[in-house]
Amino acid sequence: MALNPESRFTFSPLHRLQWEEAQQKYVILYPEGLVELNVPAAEILKLCDGTRNLETIVEELEQKFETSGIRDDVAGLLESALENGWIRALP
């Protein structure tokens, strides 16, 4: 699934990103259960607030972590999140 470079990403109304103190990690909560996230996935998904597209997310993460060349990894996680229904693409 190719991402539309103009699409902005937001969480599905059925899913919620939340910090779980007991597990010391971010999770996605949904009616059927939860998904534990690793740190990179959580950092990407925290930026899915409906205002950012792929390029903006990549730029912000590269600045925050003083790195480069992460576009493919970010795109892969966003594609997976879309396929799992965790996030939605907005026009």
Protein backbone atom coordinates (compact mmCIF):
# COMPACT_ATOMS: atom_id res chain seq x y z
CA MET A 1 0.00 0.00 0.00
CA ALA A 2 1.56 3.29 -1.11
CA LEU A 3 1.01 6.29 1.12
CA ASN A 4 -0.37 9.46 -0.39
CA PRO A 5 2.29 12.09 0.41
CA GLU A 6 -0.41 14.70 1.03
CA SER A 7 -2.41 12.63 3.51
CA ARG A 8 -2.41 13.64 7.15
CA PHE A 9 -2.73 10.93 9.77
CA THR A 10 -4.97 10.71 12.81
CA PHE A 11 -6.03 7.97 15.19
CA SER A 12 -9.11 5.93 14.44
CA PRO A 13 -12.01 6.80 16.76
CA LEU A 14 -11.92 3.18 17.97
CA HIS A 15 -8.25 3.34 19.04
CA ARG A 16 -6.40 5.41 21.61
CA LEU A 17 -2.68 5.90 22.16
CA GLN A 18 -1.94 5.92 25.88
CA TRP A 19 1.01 5.70 28.27
CA GLU A 20 0.67 2.64 30.53
CA GLU A 21 2.45 3.36 33.79
CA ALA A 22 2.40 -0.27 34.93
CA GLN A 23 4.14 -1.42 31.75
CA GLN A 24 6.26 1.71 31.33
CA LYS A 25 5.39 1.95 27.64
CA TYR A 26 2.89 3.35 25.19
CA VAL A 27 0.03 1.14 24.09
CA ILE A 28 -2.82 1.37 21.64
CA LEU A 29 -6.10 0.62 23.38
CA TYR A 30 -9.11 -0.65 21.45
CA PRO A 31 -12.31 -2.54 22.33
CA GLU A 32 -10.76 -5.98 21.77
CA GLY A 33 -7.57 -5.36 23.73
CA LEU A 34 -4.29 -3.49 23.45
CA VAL A 35 -1.08 -3.38 21.44
CA GLU A 36 2.22 -2.68 23.19
CA LEU A 37 4.46 -0.33 21.24
CA ASN A 38 8.22 -0.08 21.10
CA VAL A 39 9.74 3.39 21.49
CA PRO A 40 10.19 4.19 17.77
CA ALA A 41 6.61 3.17 16.95
CA ALA A 42 5.26 5.25 19.82
CA GLU A 43 7.27 8.30 18.73
CA ILE A 44 5.86 8.02 15.20
CA LEU A 45 2.28 7.46 16.28
CA LYS A 46 2.37 10.31 18.81
CA LEU A 47 2.69 12.62 15.80
CA CYS A 48 -0.50 11.29 14.16
CA ASP A 49 -2.74 14.10 15.35
CA GLY A 50 -4.45 14.98 12.07
CA THR A 51 -2.11 17.86 11.24
CA ARG A 52 0.98 16.04 9.91
CA ASN A 53 1.72 14.14 6.71
CA LEU A 54 4.54 11.64 6.14
CA GLU A 55 7.16 14.26 5.28
CA THR A 56 6.34 16.40 8.31
CA ILE A 57 6.51 13.39 10.63
CA VAL A 58 9.87 12.35 9.18
CA GLU A 59 11.29 15.88 9.45
CA GLU A 60 10.20 16.26 13.08
CA LEU A 61 11.63 12.88 14.09
CA GLU A 62 14.92 13.49 12.27
CA GLN A 63 15.30 16.80 14.09
CA LYS A 64 14.27 15.41 17.48
CA PHE A 65 16.64 12.44 17.32
CA GLU A 66 19.38 14.11 15.24
CA THR A 67 19.31 11.43 12.57
CA SER A 68 18.45 11.03 8.90
CA GLY A 69 17.36 8.37 6.46
CA ILE A 70 14.33 7.15 8.43
CA ARG A 71 11.65 7.87 5.81
CA ASP A 72 11.22 4.23 4.74
CA ASP A 73 10.91 3.03 8.33
CA VAL A 74 8.36 5.71 9.19
CA ALA A 75 6.38 4.98 6.02
CA GLY A 76 6.42 1.26 6.82
CA LEU A 77 5.05 1.82 10.32
CA LEU A 78 2.35 4.18 9.04
CA GLU A 79 1.33 1.64 6.38
CA SER A 80 1.10 -1.09 9.01
CA ALA A 81 -0.92 1.18 11.32
CA LEU A 82 -3.31 1.98 8.47
CA GLU A 83 -3.72 -1.70 7.59
CA ASN A 84 -4.42 -2.52 11.25
CA GLY A 85 -6.97 0.29 11.48
CA TRP A 86 -5.11 2.14 14.24
CA ILE A 87 -4.89 5.36 12.21
CA ARG A 88 -6.73 6.95 9.32
CA ALA A 89 -5.46 8.99 6.39
CA LEU A 90 -7.12 12.36 5.99
CA PRO A 91 -7.15 14.13 2.60
